[in-house]
Amino acid sequence: DGISHFKASAILGYEFGIGVRSGCFCAHPYILHLLGLTHQQADSVRSNILSGDRSDMPGLIRASFGLYNSYEDIDAFVEALACIAQGKYRGNYLQDKKTGEYVPQGWQPSFEQFFSLAD
């Protein structure tokens, strides 16, 4: 409660290495209905999106599990959600109003650590 789906999904990814989808999943009217928004609230959301501001867009987080996932993966996901709910995360996250997405302040990816562009 009180944390944006955009922010929670960023924390899951950056701090726990857990990839999830966040938002309305190409089903905005249905998701807004599921979240109990009034017609006036839904119109306000649409207006903000059309004006280029997704910072306050309601939405959900979806985690997809496959045959390759273990019980330990599920436990790690639940523990990560508990940490986020308790405010136990390290980063100071900044939001891009246009996309609604969050990134930790000062974080720069180090792709060289994982990939080599050398022949």
PDB file of N, CA and C in Angstrom:
ATOM      1  N   ASP A   1       0.839  -1.177   0.000  1.00  0.00           N
ATOM      2  CA  ASP A   1       0.000   0.000   0.000  1.00  0.00           C
ATOM      3  C   ASP A   1       0.890   1.250   0.000  1.00  0.00           C
ATOM      4  N   GLY A   2       0.537   2.208  -0.831  1.00  0.00           N
ATOM      5  CA  GLY A   2       1.258   3.465  -0.844  1.00  0.00           C
ATOM      6  C   GLY A   2       2.493   3.497  -1.724  1.00  0.00           C
ATOM      7  N   ILE A   3       2.757   2.427  -2.459  1.00  0.00           N
ATOM      8  CA  ILE A   3       3.909   2.425  -3.362  1.00  0.00           C
ATOM      9  C   ILE A   3       3.405   2.125  -4.768  1.00  0.00           C
ATOM     10  N   SER A   4       3.885   2.882  -5.709  1.00  0.00           N
ATOM     11  CA  SER A   4       3.478   2.731  -7.097  1.00  0.00           C
ATOM     12  C   SER A   4       3.907   1.375  -7.651  1.00  0.00           C
ATOM     13  N   HIS A   5       3.064   0.827  -8.516  1.00  0.00           N
ATOM     14  CA  HIS A   5       3.428  -0.414  -9.206  1.00  0.00           C
ATOM     15  C   HIS A   5       4.691  -0.206 -10.029  1.00  0.00           C
ATOM     16  N   PHE A   6       4.871   0.994 -10.579  1.00  0.00           N
ATOM     17  CA  PHE A   6       6.092   1.300 -11.331  1.00  0.00           C
ATOM     18  C   PHE A   6       7.322   1.195 -10.426  1.00  0.00           C
ATOM     19  N   LYS A   7       7.224   1.772  -9.240  1.00  0.00           N
ATOM     20  CA  LYS A   7       8.358   1.769  -8.314  1.00  0.00           C
ATOM     21  C   LYS A   7       8.639   0.364  -7.780  1.00  0.00           C
ATOM     22  N   ALA A   8       7.596  -0.347  -7.393  1.00  0.00           N
ATOM     23  CA  ALA A   8       7.783  -1.705  -6.877  1.00  0.00           C
ATOM     24  C   ALA A   8       8.428  -2.602  -7.928  1.00  0.00           C
ATOM     25  N   SER A   9       8.010  -2.466  -9.175  1.00  0.00           N
ATOM     26  CA  SER A   9       8.605  -3.308 -10.218  1.00  0.00           C
ATOM     27  C   SER A   9      10.068  -2.930 -10.462  1.00  0.00           C
ATOM     28  N   ALA A  10      10.395  -1.639 -10.352  1.00  0.00           N
ATOM     29  CA  ALA A  10      11.793  -1.215 -10.502  1.00  0.00           C
ATOM     30  C   ALA A  10      12.648  -1.794  -9.381  1.00  0.00           C
ATOM     31  N   ILE A  11      12.157  -1.748  -8.161  1.00  0.00           N
ATOM     32  CA  ILE A  11      12.906  -2.292  -7.020  1.00  0.00           C
ATOM     33  C   ILE A  11      13.098  -3.794  -7.190  1.00  0.00           C
ATOM     34  N   LEU A  12      12.048  -4.492  -7.622  1.00  0.00           N
ATOM     35  CA  LEU A  12      12.173  -5.931  -7.851  1.00  0.00           C
ATOM     36  C   LEU A  12      13.289  -6.217  -8.854  1.00  0.00           C
ATOM     37  N   GLY A  13      13.348  -5.436  -9.911  1.00  0.00           N
ATOM     38  CA  GLY A  13      14.351  -5.657 -10.944  1.00  0.00           C
ATOM     39  C   GLY A  13      15.746  -5.256 -10.538  1.00  0.00           C
ATOM     40  N   TYR A  14      15.906  -4.020 -10.066  1.00  0.00           N
ATOM     41  CA  TYR A  14      17.237  -3.493  -9.764  1.00  0.00           C
ATOM     42  C   TYR A  14      17.857  -4.122  -8.524  1.00  0.00           C
ATOM     43  N   GLU A  15      17.063  -4.369  -7.506  1.00  0.00           N
ATOM     44  CA  GLU A  15      17.638  -4.825  -6.240  1.00  0.00           C
ATOM     45  C   GLU A  15      17.522  -6.327  -5.996  1.00  0.00           C
ATOM     46  N   PHE A  16      16.563  -6.965  -6.655  1.00  0.00           N
ATOM     47  CA  PHE A  16      16.359  -8.387  -6.403  1.00  0.00           C
ATOM     48  C   PHE A  16      16.556  -9.248  -7.650  1.00  0.00           C
ATOM     49  N   GLY A  17      16.761  -8.613  -8.800  1.00  0.00           N
ATOM     50  CA  GLY A  17      16.971  -9.360 -10.033  1.00  0.00           C
ATOM     51  C   GLY A  17      15.745 -10.133 -10.483  1.00  0.00           C
ATOM     52  N   ILE A  18      14.565  -9.613 -10.168  1.00  0.00           N
ATOM     53  CA  ILE A  18      13.312 -10.279 -10.520  1.00  0.00           C
ATOM     54  C   ILE A  18      12.591  -9.433 -11.567  1.00  0.00           C
ATOM     55  N   GLY A  19      12.392  -9.996 -12.740  1.00  0.00           N
ATOM     56  CA  GLY A  19      11.725  -9.289 -13.823  1.00  0.00           C
ATOM     57  C   GLY A  19      10.220  -9.505 -13.783  1.00  0.00           C
ATOM     58  N   VAL A  20       9.476  -8.423 -13.779  1.00  0.00           N
ATOM     59  CA  VAL A  20       8.014  -8.468 -13.792  1.00  0.00           C
ATOM     60  C   VAL A  20       7.510  -7.448 -14.810  1.00  0.00           C
ATOM     61  N   ARG A  21       6.241  -7.522 -15.154  1.00  0.00           N
ATOM     62  CA  ARG A  21       5.603  -6.491 -15.970  1.00  0.00           C
ATOM     63  C   ARG A  21       4.799  -5.599 -15.052  1.00  0.00           C
ATOM     64  N   SER A  22       4.714  -4.335 -15.435  1.00  0.00           N
ATOM     65  CA  SER A  22       4.008  -3.360 -14.623  1.00  0.00           C
ATOM     66  C   SER A  22       3.157  -2.479 -15.531  1.00  0.00           C
ATOM     67  N   GLY A  23       1.974  -2.131 -15.083  1.00  0.00           N
ATOM     68  CA  GLY A  23       1.126  -1.219 -15.836  1.00  0.00           C
ATOM     69  C   GLY A  23      -0.269  -1.752 -16.009  1.00  0.00           C
ATOM     70  N   CYS A  24      -0.834  -1.511 -17.204  1.00  0.00           N
ATOM     71  CA  CYS A  24      -2.199  -1.945 -17.503  1.00  0.00           C
ATOM     72  C   CYS A  24      -2.238  -3.034 -18.575  1.00  0.00           C
ATOM     73  N   PHE A  25      -1.100  -3.486 -19.050  1.00  0.00           N
ATOM     74  CA  PHE A  25      -0.978  -4.644 -19.941  1.00  0.00           C
ATOM     75  C   PHE A  25      -1.858  -4.547 -21.187  1.00  0.00           C
ATOM     76  N   CYS A  26      -1.902  -3.372 -21.790  1.00  0.00           N
ATOM     77  CA  CYS A  26      -2.710  -3.142 -22.999  1.00  0.00           C
ATOM     78  C   CYS A  26      -4.196  -3.396 -22.756  1.00  0.00           C
ATOM     79  N   ALA A  27      -4.631  -3.227 -21.526  1.00  0.00           N
ATOM     80  CA  ALA A  27      -6.042  -3.430 -21.175  1.00  0.00           C
ATOM     81  C   ALA A  27      -6.487  -2.336 -20.209  1.00  0.00           C
ATOM     82  N   HIS A  28      -6.162  -1.070 -20.541  1.00  0.00           N
ATOM     83  CA  HIS A  28      -6.438   0.045 -19.637  1.00  0.00           C
ATOM     84  C   HIS A  28      -7.876   0.089 -19.115  1.00  0.00           C
ATOM     85  N   PRO A  29      -8.893   0.033 -19.984  1.00  0.00           N
ATOM     86  CA  PRO A  29     -10.266   0.132 -19.454  1.00  0.00           C
ATOM     87  C   PRO A  29     -10.581  -0.976 -18.450  1.00  0.00           C
ATOM     88  N   TYR A  30     -10.142  -2.193 -18.753  1.00  0.00           N
ATOM     89  CA  TYR A  30     -10.439  -3.319 -17.863  1.00  0.00           C
ATOM     90  C   TYR A  30      -9.690  -3.183 -16.542  1.00  0.00           C
ATOM     91  N   ILE A  31      -8.423  -2.825 -16.589  1.00  0.00           N
ATOM     92  CA  ILE A  31      -7.624  -2.683 -15.361  1.00  0.00           C
ATOM     93  C   ILE A  31      -8.187  -1.550 -14.502  1.00  0.00           C
ATOM     94  N   LEU A  32      -8.551  -0.428 -15.118  1.00  0.00           N
ATOM     95  CA  LEU A  32      -9.130   0.676 -14.350  1.00  0.00           C
ATOM     96  C   LEU A  32     -10.446   0.241 -13.688  1.00  0.00           C
ATOM     97  N   HIS A  33     -11.213  -0.590 -14.394  1.00  0.00           N
ATOM     98  CA  HIS A  33     -12.447  -1.144 -13.812  1.00  0.00           C
ATOM     99  C   HIS A  33     -12.111  -2.056 -12.629  1.00  0.00           C
ATOM    100  N   LEU A  34     -11.130  -2.965 -12.817  1.00  0.00           N
ATOM    101  CA  LEU A  34     -10.746  -3.880 -11.738  1.00  0.00           C
ATOM    102  C   LEU A  34     -10.262  -3.124 -10.501  1.00  0.00           C
ATOM    103  N   LEU A  35      -9.607  -1.988 -10.723  1.00  0.00           N
ATOM    104  CA  LEU A  35      -9.091  -1.185  -9.616  1.00  0.00           C
ATOM    105  C   LEU A  35     -10.162  -0.306  -8.978  1.00  0.00           C
ATOM    106  N   GLY A  36     -11.368  -0.326  -9.543  1.00  0.00           N
ATOM    107  CA  GLY A  36     -12.487   0.393  -8.935  1.00  0.00           C
ATOM    108  C   GLY A  36     -12.498   1.890  -9.174  1.00  0.00           C
ATOM    109  N   LEU A  37     -11.867   2.355 -10.253  1.00  0.00           N
ATOM    110  CA  LEU A  37     -11.885   3.785 -10.548  1.00  0.00           C
ATOM    111  C   LEU A  37     -13.257   4.197 -11.067  1.00  0.00           C
ATOM    112  N   THR A  38     -13.681   5.385 -10.677  1.00  0.00           N
ATOM    113  CA  THR A  38     -14.931   5.938 -11.192  1.00  0.00           C
ATOM    114  C   THR A  38     -14.681   6.397 -12.634  1.00  0.00           C
ATOM    115  N   HIS A  39     -15.770   6.703 -13.347  1.00  0.00           N
ATOM    116  CA  HIS A  39     -15.629   7.205 -14.724  1.00  0.00           C
ATOM    117  C   HIS A  39     -14.821   8.496 -14.738  1.00  0.00           C
ATOM    118  N   GLN A  40     -15.050   9.341 -13.745  1.00  0.00           N
ATOM    119  CA  GLN A  40     -14.327  10.614 -13.662  1.00  0.00           C
ATOM    120  C   GLN A  40     -12.831  10.361 -13.427  1.00  0.00           C
ATOM    121  N   GLN A  41     -12.505   9.445 -12.539  1.00  0.00           N
ATOM    122  CA  GLN A  41     -11.099   9.115 -12.279  1.00  0.00           C
ATOM    123  C   GLN A  41     -10.443   8.511 -13.519  1.00  0.00           C
ATOM    124  N   ALA A  42     -11.154   7.619 -14.202  1.00  0.00           N
ATOM    125  CA  ALA A  42     -10.622   6.999 -15.416  1.00  0.00           C
ATOM    126  C   ALA A  42     -10.381   8.047 -16.492  1.00  0.00           C
ATOM    127  N   ASP A  43     -11.298   9.010 -16.635  1.00  0.00           N
ATOM    128  CA  ASP A  43     -11.122  10.099 -17.605  1.00  0.00           C
ATOM    129  C   ASP A  43      -9.893  10.930 -17.262  1.00  0.00           C
ATOM    130  N   SER A  44      -9.678  11.173 -15.971  1.00  0.00           N
ATOM    131  CA  SER A  44      -8.508  11.927 -15.533  1.00  0.00           C
ATOM    132  C   SER A  44      -7.214  11.172 -15.874  1.00  0.00           C
ATOM    133  N   VAL A  45      -7.215   9.873 -15.661  1.00  0.00           N
ATOM    134  CA  VAL A  45      -6.042   9.050 -16.008  1.00  0.00           C
ATOM    135  C   VAL A  45      -5.768   9.146 -17.502  1.00  0.00           C
ATOM    136  N   ARG A  46      -6.796   8.973 -18.317  1.00  0.00           N
ATOM    137  CA  ARG A  46      -6.632   9.050 -19.782  1.00  0.00           C
ATOM    138  C   ARG A  46      -6.109  10.421 -20.204  1.00  0.00           C
ATOM    139  N   SER A  47      -6.635  11.460 -19.605  1.00  0.00           N
ATOM    140  CA  SER A  47      -6.198  12.813 -19.924  1.00  0.00           C
ATOM    141  C   SER A  47      -4.717  13.005 -19.598  1.00  0.00           C
ATOM    142  N   ASN A  48      -4.294  12.514 -18.444  1.00  0.00           N
ATOM    143  CA  ASN A  48      -2.887  12.624 -18.061  1.00  0.00           C
ATOM    144  C   ASN A  48      -1.987  11.852 -19.024  1.00  0.00           C
ATOM    145  N   ILE A  49      -2.403  10.650 -19.397  1.00  0.00           N
ATOM    146  CA  ILE A  49      -1.618   9.841 -20.327  1.00  0.00           C
ATOM    147  C   ILE A  49      -1.485  10.563 -21.660  1.00  0.00           C
ATOM    148  N   LEU A  50      -2.594  11.099 -22.178  1.00  0.00           N
ATOM    149  CA  LEU A  50      -2.568  11.799 -23.459  1.00  0.00           C
ATOM    150  C   LEU A  50      -1.719  13.067 -23.420  1.00  0.00           C
ATOM    151  N   SER A  51      -1.578  13.661 -22.229  1.00  0.00           N
ATOM    152  CA  SER A  51      -0.755  14.866 -22.109  1.00  0.00           C
ATOM    153  C   SER A  51       0.717  14.529 -21.841  1.00  0.00           C
ATOM    154  N   GLY A  52       1.037  13.221 -21.831  1.00  0.00           N
ATOM    155  CA  GLY A  52       2.428  12.809 -21.661  1.00  0.00           C
ATOM    156  C   GLY A  52       2.864  12.612 -20.225  1.00  0.00           C
ATOM    157  N   ASP A  53       1.920  12.456 -19.309  1.00  0.00           N
ATOM    158  CA  ASP A  53       2.252  12.265 -17.895  1.00  0.00           C
ATOM    159  C   ASP A  53       1.660  10.952 -17.397  1.00  0.00           C
ATOM    160  N   ARG A  54       2.525   9.953 -17.218  1.00  0.00           N
ATOM    161  CA  ARG A  54       2.082   8.649 -16.711  1.00  0.00           C
ATOM    162  C   ARG A  54       2.500   8.451 -15.249  1.00  0.00           C
ATOM    163  N   SER A  55       2.945   9.518 -14.606  1.00  0.00           N
ATOM    164  CA  SER A  55       3.514   9.389 -13.261  1.00  0.00           C
ATOM    165  C   SER A  55       2.524   8.874 -12.222  1.00  0.00           C
ATOM    166  N   ASP A  56       1.257   9.096 -12.434  1.00  0.00           N
ATOM    167  CA  ASP A  56       0.258   8.684 -11.448  1.00  0.00           C
ATOM    168  C   ASP A  56      -0.703   7.648 -12.025  1.00  0.00           C
ATOM    169  N   MET A  57      -0.268   6.955 -13.079  1.00  0.00           N
ATOM    170  CA  MET A  57      -1.119   5.983 -13.745  1.00  0.00           C
ATOM    171  C   MET A  57      -1.318   4.756 -12.859  1.00  0.00           C
ATOM    172  N   PRO A  58      -2.566   4.387 -12.590  1.00  0.00           N
ATOM    173  CA  PRO A  58      -2.800   3.176 -11.817  1.00  0.00           C
ATOM    174  C   PRO A  58      -2.385   1.952 -12.625  1.00  0.00           C
ATOM    175  N   GLY A  59      -2.130   0.869 -11.936  1.00  0.00           N
ATOM    176  CA  GLY A  59      -1.763  -0.350 -12.638  1.00  0.00           C
ATOM    177  C   GLY A  59      -1.472  -1.482 -11.680  1.00  0.00           C
ATOM    178  N   LEU A  60      -1.004  -2.563 -12.245  1.00  0.00           N
ATOM    179  CA  LEU A  60      -0.733  -3.786 -11.508  1.00  0.00           C
ATOM    180  C   LEU A  60       0.674  -4.278 -11.820  1.00  0.00           C
ATOM    181  N   ILE A  61       1.111  -5.263 -11.068  1.00  0.00           N
ATOM    182  CA  ILE A  61       2.363  -5.968 -11.351  1.00  0.00           C
ATOM    183  C   ILE A  61       2.004  -7.403 -11.676  1.00  0.00           C
ATOM    184  N   ARG A  62       2.620  -7.918 -12.733  1.00  0.00           N
ATOM    185  CA  ARG A  62       2.385  -9.308 -13.104  1.00  0.00           C
ATOM    186  C   ARG A  62       3.708 -10.062 -13.093  1.00  0.00           C
ATOM    187  N   ALA A  63       3.737 -11.128 -12.336  1.00  0.00           N
ATOM    188  CA  ALA A  63       4.889 -12.036 -12.322  1.00  0.00           C
ATOM    189  C   ALA A  63       4.459 -13.308 -13.039  1.00  0.00           C
ATOM    190  N   SER A  64       5.291 -13.762 -13.938  1.00  0.00           N
ATOM    191  CA  SER A  64       4.990 -14.983 -14.682  1.00  0.00           C
ATOM    192  C   SER A  64       5.963 -16.071 -14.267  1.00  0.00           C
ATOM    193  N   PHE A  65       5.423 -17.192 -13.878  1.00  0.00           N
ATOM    194  CA  PHE A  65       6.246 -18.330 -13.485  1.00  0.00           C
ATOM    195  C   PHE A  65       6.181 -19.387 -14.577  1.00  0.00           C
ATOM    196  N   GLY A  66       7.294 -20.092 -14.780  1.00  0.00           N
ATOM    197  CA  GLY A  66       7.362 -21.137 -15.791  1.00  0.00           C
ATOM    198  C   GLY A  66       7.758 -22.462 -15.178  1.00  0.00           C
ATOM    199  N   LEU A  67       7.845 -23.452 -16.022  1.00  0.00           N
ATOM    200  CA  LEU A  67       8.237 -24.785 -15.568  1.00  0.00           C
ATOM    201  C   LEU A  67       9.631 -24.807 -14.959  1.00  0.00           C
ATOM    202  N   TYR A  68      10.459 -23.862 -15.360  1.00  0.00           N
ATOM    203  CA  TYR A  68      11.840 -23.795 -14.884  1.00  0.00           C
ATOM    204  C   TYR A  68      11.954 -23.162 -13.502  1.00  0.00           C
ATOM    205  N   ASN A  69      10.895 -22.519 -13.009  1.00  0.00           N
ATOM    206  CA  ASN A  69      10.947 -21.891 -11.695  1.00  0.00           C
ATOM    207  C   ASN A  69      10.821 -22.931 -10.586  1.00  0.00           C
ATOM    208  N   SER A  70      11.501 -22.627  -9.488  1.00  0.00           N
ATOM    209  CA  SER A  70      11.499 -23.537  -8.338  1.00  0.00           C
ATOM    210  C   SER A  70      10.714 -22.902  -7.184  1.00  0.00           C
ATOM    211  N   TYR A  71      10.502 -23.703  -6.156  1.00  0.00           N
ATOM    212  CA  TYR A  71       9.872 -23.165  -4.950  1.00  0.00           C
ATOM    213  C   TYR A  71      10.747 -22.069  -4.345  1.00  0.00           C
ATOM    214  N   GLU A  72      12.056 -22.199  -4.488  1.00  0.00           N
ATOM    215  CA  GLU A  72      12.974 -21.172  -3.973  1.00  0.00           C
ATOM    216  C   GLU A  72      12.767 -19.844  -4.701  1.00  0.00           C
ATOM    217  N   ASP A  73      12.489 -19.906  -6.020  1.00  0.00           N
ATOM    218  CA  ASP A  73      12.203 -18.683  -6.781  1.00  0.00           C
ATOM    219  C   ASP A  73      10.953 -17.992  -6.244  1.00  0.00           C
ATOM    220  N   ILE A  74       9.939 -18.774  -5.938  1.00  0.00           N
ATOM    221  CA  ILE A  74       8.694 -18.218  -5.399  1.00  0.00           C
ATOM    222  C   ILE A  74       8.950 -17.611  -4.020  1.00  0.00           C
ATOM    223  N   ASP A  75       9.706 -18.323  -3.195  1.00  0.00           N
ATOM    224  CA  ASP A  75      10.048 -17.796  -1.866  1.00  0.00           C
ATOM    225  C   ASP A  75      10.819 -16.479  -1.984  1.00  0.00           C
ATOM    226  N   ALA A  76      11.766 -16.409  -2.928  1.00  0.00           N
ATOM    227  CA  ALA A  76      12.551 -15.186  -3.118  1.00  0.00           C
ATOM    228  C   ALA A  76      11.651 -14.032  -3.542  1.00  0.00           C
ATOM    229  N   PHE A  77      10.680 -14.311  -4.404  1.00  0.00           N
ATOM    230  CA  PHE A  77       9.733 -13.290  -4.851  1.00  0.00           C
ATOM    231  C   PHE A  77       8.901 -12.777  -3.682  1.00  0.00           C
ATOM    232  N   VAL A  78       8.384 -13.693  -2.879  1.00  0.00           N
ATOM    233  CA  VAL A  78       7.566 -13.306  -1.717  1.00  0.00           C
ATOM    234  C   VAL A  78       8.404 -12.507  -0.723  1.00  0.00           C
ATOM    235  N   GLU A  79       9.631 -12.931  -0.477  1.00  0.00           N
ATOM    236  CA  GLU A  79      10.520 -12.199   0.440  1.00  0.00           C
ATOM    237  C   GLU A  79      10.826 -10.806  -0.093  1.00  0.00           C
ATOM    238  N   ALA A  80      11.040 -10.686  -1.405  1.00  0.00           N
ATOM    239  CA  ALA A  80      11.306  -9.371  -2.006  1.00  0.00           C
ATOM    240  C   ALA A  80      10.099  -8.462  -1.830  1.00  0.00           C
ATOM    241  N   LEU A  81       8.900  -8.990  -2.061  1.00  0.00           N
ATOM    242  CA  LEU A  81       7.686  -8.180  -1.864  1.00  0.00           C
ATOM    243  C   LEU A  81       7.546  -7.739  -0.412  1.00  0.00           C
ATOM    244  N   ALA A  82       7.882  -8.623   0.518  1.00  0.00           N
ATOM    245  CA  ALA A  82       7.808  -8.272   1.946  1.00  0.00           C
ATOM    246  C   ALA A  82       8.787  -7.150   2.267  1.00  0.00           C
ATOM    247  N   CYS A  83      10.002  -7.228   1.718  1.00  0.00           N
ATOM    248  CA  CYS A  83      10.993  -6.165   1.946  1.00  0.00           C
ATOM    249  C   CYS A  83      10.494  -4.833   1.409  1.00  0.00           C
ATOM    250  N   ILE A  84       9.927  -4.852   0.208  1.00  0.00           N
ATOM    251  CA  ILE A  84       9.416  -3.615  -0.388  1.00  0.00           C
ATOM    252  C   ILE A  84       8.279  -3.051   0.465  1.00  0.00           C
ATOM    253  N   ALA A  85       7.371  -3.918   0.899  1.00  0.00           N
ATOM    254  CA  ALA A  85       6.234  -3.480   1.722  1.00  0.00           C
ATOM    255  C   ALA A  85       6.698  -2.854   3.036  1.00  0.00           C
ATOM    256  N   GLN A  86       7.832  -3.329   3.558  1.00  0.00           N
ATOM    257  CA  GLN A  86       8.374  -2.816   4.814  1.00  0.00           C
ATOM    258  C   GLN A  86       9.331  -1.639   4.598  1.00  0.00           C
ATOM    259  N   GLY A  87       9.488  -1.218   3.339  1.00  0.00           N
ATOM    260  CA  GLY A  87      10.390  -0.104   3.040  1.00  0.00           C
ATOM    261  C   GLY A  87      11.860  -0.480   3.115  1.00  0.00           C
ATOM    262  N   LYS A  88      12.162  -1.754   3.037  1.00  0.00           N
ATOM    263  CA  LYS A  88      13.545  -2.229   3.148  1.00  0.00           C
ATOM    264  C   LYS A  88      14.165  -2.418   1.764  1.00  0.00           C
ATOM    265  N   TYR A  89      14.449  -1.295   1.134  1.00  0.00           N
ATOM    266  CA  TYR A  89      15.175  -1.319  -0.131  1.00  0.00           C
ATOM    267  C   TYR A  89      16.199  -0.199  -0.089  1.00  0.00           C
ATOM    268  N   ARG A  90      17.247  -0.336  -0.885  1.00  0.00           N
ATOM    269  CA  ARG A  90      18.411   0.545  -0.748  1.00  0.00           C
ATOM    270  C   ARG A  90      18.355   1.800  -1.610  1.00  0.00           C
ATOM    271  N   GLY A  91      17.830   1.682  -2.803  1.00  0.00           N
ATOM    272  CA  GLY A  91      17.929   2.779  -3.756  1.00  0.00           C
ATOM    273  C   GLY A  91      17.034   3.957  -3.460  1.00  0.00           C
ATOM    274  N   ASN A  92      17.462   5.114  -3.962  1.00  0.00           N
ATOM    275  CA  ASN A  92      16.630   6.313  -3.982  1.00  0.00           C
ATOM    276  C   ASN A  92      16.130   6.424  -5.420  1.00  0.00           C
ATOM    277  N   TYR A  93      14.867   6.135  -5.644  1.00  0.00           N
ATOM    278  CA  TYR A  93      14.325   6.000  -6.989  1.00  0.00           C
ATOM    279  C   TYR A  93      13.707   7.294  -7.488  1.00  0.00           C
ATOM    280  N   LEU A  94      14.042   7.617  -8.736  1.00  0.00           N
ATOM    281  CA  LEU A  94      13.516   8.806  -9.400  1.00  0.00           C
ATOM    282  C   LEU A  94      12.600   8.375 -10.534  1.00  0.00           C
ATOM    283  N   GLN A  95      11.487   9.101 -10.689  1.00  0.00           N
ATOM    284  CA  GLN A  95      10.496   8.734 -11.692  1.00  0.00           C
ATOM    285  C   GLN A  95      10.579   9.626 -12.921  1.00  0.00           C
ATOM    286  N   ASP A  96      10.460   9.005 -14.083  1.00  0.00           N
ATOM    287  CA  ASP A  96      10.324   9.717 -15.350  1.00  0.00           C
ATOM    288  C   ASP A  96       8.823   9.919 -15.565  1.00  0.00           C
ATOM    289  N   LYS A  97       8.360  11.165 -15.512  1.00  0.00           N
ATOM    290  CA  LYS A  97       6.924  11.448 -15.610  1.00  0.00           C
ATOM    291  C   LYS A  97       6.324  10.974 -16.935  1.00  0.00           C
ATOM    292  N   LYS A  98       7.110  11.040 -17.999  1.00  0.00           N
ATOM    293  CA  LYS A  98       6.593  10.677 -19.322  1.00  0.00           C
ATOM    294  C   LYS A  98       6.258   9.190 -19.400  1.00  0.00           C
ATOM    295  N   THR A  99       7.124   8.345 -18.841  1.00  0.00           N
ATOM    296  CA  THR A  99       6.904   6.896 -18.909  1.00  0.00           C
ATOM    297  C   THR A  99       6.309   6.330 -17.628  1.00  0.00           C
ATOM    298  N   GLY A 100       6.481   7.039 -16.521  1.00  0.00           N
ATOM    299  CA  GLY A 100       6.041   6.558 -15.220  1.00  0.00           C
ATOM    300  C   GLY A 100       7.059   5.658 -14.539  1.00  0.00           C
ATOM    301  N   GLU A 101       8.084   5.238 -15.268  1.00  0.00           N
ATOM    302  CA  GLU A 101       9.044   4.281 -14.740  1.00  0.00           C
ATOM    303  C   GLU A 101      10.058   4.936 -13.800  1.00  0.00           C
ATOM    304  N   TYR A 102      10.567   4.125 -12.892  1.00  0.00           N
ATOM    305  CA  TYR A 102      11.542   4.560 -11.905  1.00  0.00           C
ATOM    306  C   TYR A 102      12.911   3.947 -12.198  1.00  0.00           C
ATOM    307  N   VAL A 103      13.958   4.692 -11.868  1.00  0.00           N
ATOM    308  CA  VAL A 103      15.327   4.172 -11.878  1.00  0.00           C
ATOM    309  C   VAL A 103      16.006   4.658 -10.602  1.00  0.00           C
ATOM    310  N   PRO A 104      16.916   3.850 -10.074  1.00  0.00           N
ATOM    311  CA  PRO A 104      17.620   4.309  -8.874  1.00  0.00           C
ATOM    312  C   PRO A 104      18.577   5.446  -9.228  1.00  0.00           C
ATOM    313  N   GLN A 105      18.586   6.457  -8.389  1.00  0.00           N
ATOM    314  CA  GLN A 105      19.430   7.625  -8.598  1.00  0.00           C
ATOM    315  C   GLN A 105      20.890   7.202  -8.606  1.00  0.00           C
ATOM    316  N   GLY A 106      21.621   7.652  -9.636  1.00  0.00           N
ATOM    317  CA  GLY A 106      23.051   7.397  -9.721  1.00  0.00           C
ATOM    318  C   GLY A 106      23.421   6.018 -10.247  1.00  0.00           C
ATOM    319  N   TRP A 107      22.422   5.213 -10.600  1.00  0.00           N
ATOM    320  CA  TRP A 107      22.716   3.866 -11.096  1.00  0.00           C
ATOM    321  C   TRP A 107      23.049   3.916 -12.568  1.00  0.00           C
ATOM    322  N   GLN A 108      24.144   3.311 -12.918  1.00  0.00           N
ATOM    323  CA  GLN A 108      24.552   3.184 -14.312  1.00  0.00           C
ATOM    324  C   GLN A 108      24.833   1.717 -14.586  1.00  0.00           C
ATOM    325  N   PRO A 109      24.256   1.162 -15.645  1.00  0.00           N
ATOM    326  CA  PRO A 109      24.529  -0.248 -15.934  1.00  0.00           C
ATOM    327  C   PRO A 109      25.989  -0.450 -16.323  1.00  0.00           C
ATOM    328  N   SER A 110      26.516  -1.586 -15.963  1.00  0.00           N
ATOM    329  CA  SER A 110      27.887  -1.939 -16.304  1.00  0.00           C
ATOM    330  C   SER A 110      27.844  -3.142 -17.232  1.00  0.00           C
ATOM    331  N   PHE A 111      27.494  -2.893 -18.489  1.00  0.00           N
ATOM    332  CA  PHE A 111      27.343  -3.986 -19.434  1.00  0.00           C
ATOM    333  C   PHE A 111      28.662  -4.705 -19.702  1.00  0.00           C
ATOM    334  N   GLU A 112      29.774  -3.973 -19.565  1.00  0.00           N
ATOM    335  CA  GLU A 112      31.079  -4.575 -19.797  1.00  0.00           C
ATOM    336  C   GLU A 112      31.340  -5.735 -18.854  1.00  0.00           C
ATOM    337  N   GLN A 113      30.687  -5.698 -17.711  1.00  0.00           N
ATOM    338  CA  GLN A 113      30.850  -6.758 -16.720  1.00  0.00           C
ATOM    339  C   GLN A 113      30.260  -8.076 -17.233  1.00  0.00           C
ATOM    340  N   PHE A 114      29.267  -7.979 -18.110  1.00  0.00           N
ATOM    341  CA  PHE A 114      28.559  -9.166 -18.578  1.00  0.00           C
ATOM    342  C   PHE A 114      28.763  -9.475 -20.055  1.00  0.00           C
ATOM    343  N   PHE A 115      29.085  -8.458 -20.854  1.00  0.00           N
ATOM    344  CA  PHE A 115      29.186  -8.641 -22.303  1.00  0.00           C
ATOM    345  C   PHE A 115      30.498  -8.062 -22.823  1.00  0.00           C
ATOM    346  N   SER A 116      30.993  -8.672 -23.871  1.00  0.00           N
ATOM    347  CA  SER A 116      32.214  -8.189 -24.502  1.00  0.00           C
ATOM    348  C   SER A 116      31.901  -7.863 -25.962  1.00  0.00           C
ATOM    349  N   LEU A 117      32.330  -6.695 -26.402  1.00  0.00           N
ATOM    350  CA  LEU A 117      32.124  -6.304 -27.795  1.00  0.00           C
ATOM    351  C   LEU A 117      33.358  -6.603 -28.628  1.00  0.00           C
ATOM    352  N   ALA A 118      34.368  -7.196 -28.023  1.00  0.00           N
ATOM    353  CA  ALA A 118      35.600  -7.520 -28.734  1.00  0.00           C
ATOM    354  C   ALA A 118      35.379  -8.722 -29.645  1.00  0.00           C
ATOM    355  N   ASP A 119      36.100  -8.725 -30.749  1.00  0.00           N
ATOM    356  CA  ASP A 119      36.001  -9.866 -31.696  1.00  0.00           C
ATOM    357  C   ASP A 119      36.733 -11.065 -31.194  1.00  0.00           C
TER     358      ASP A 119
END
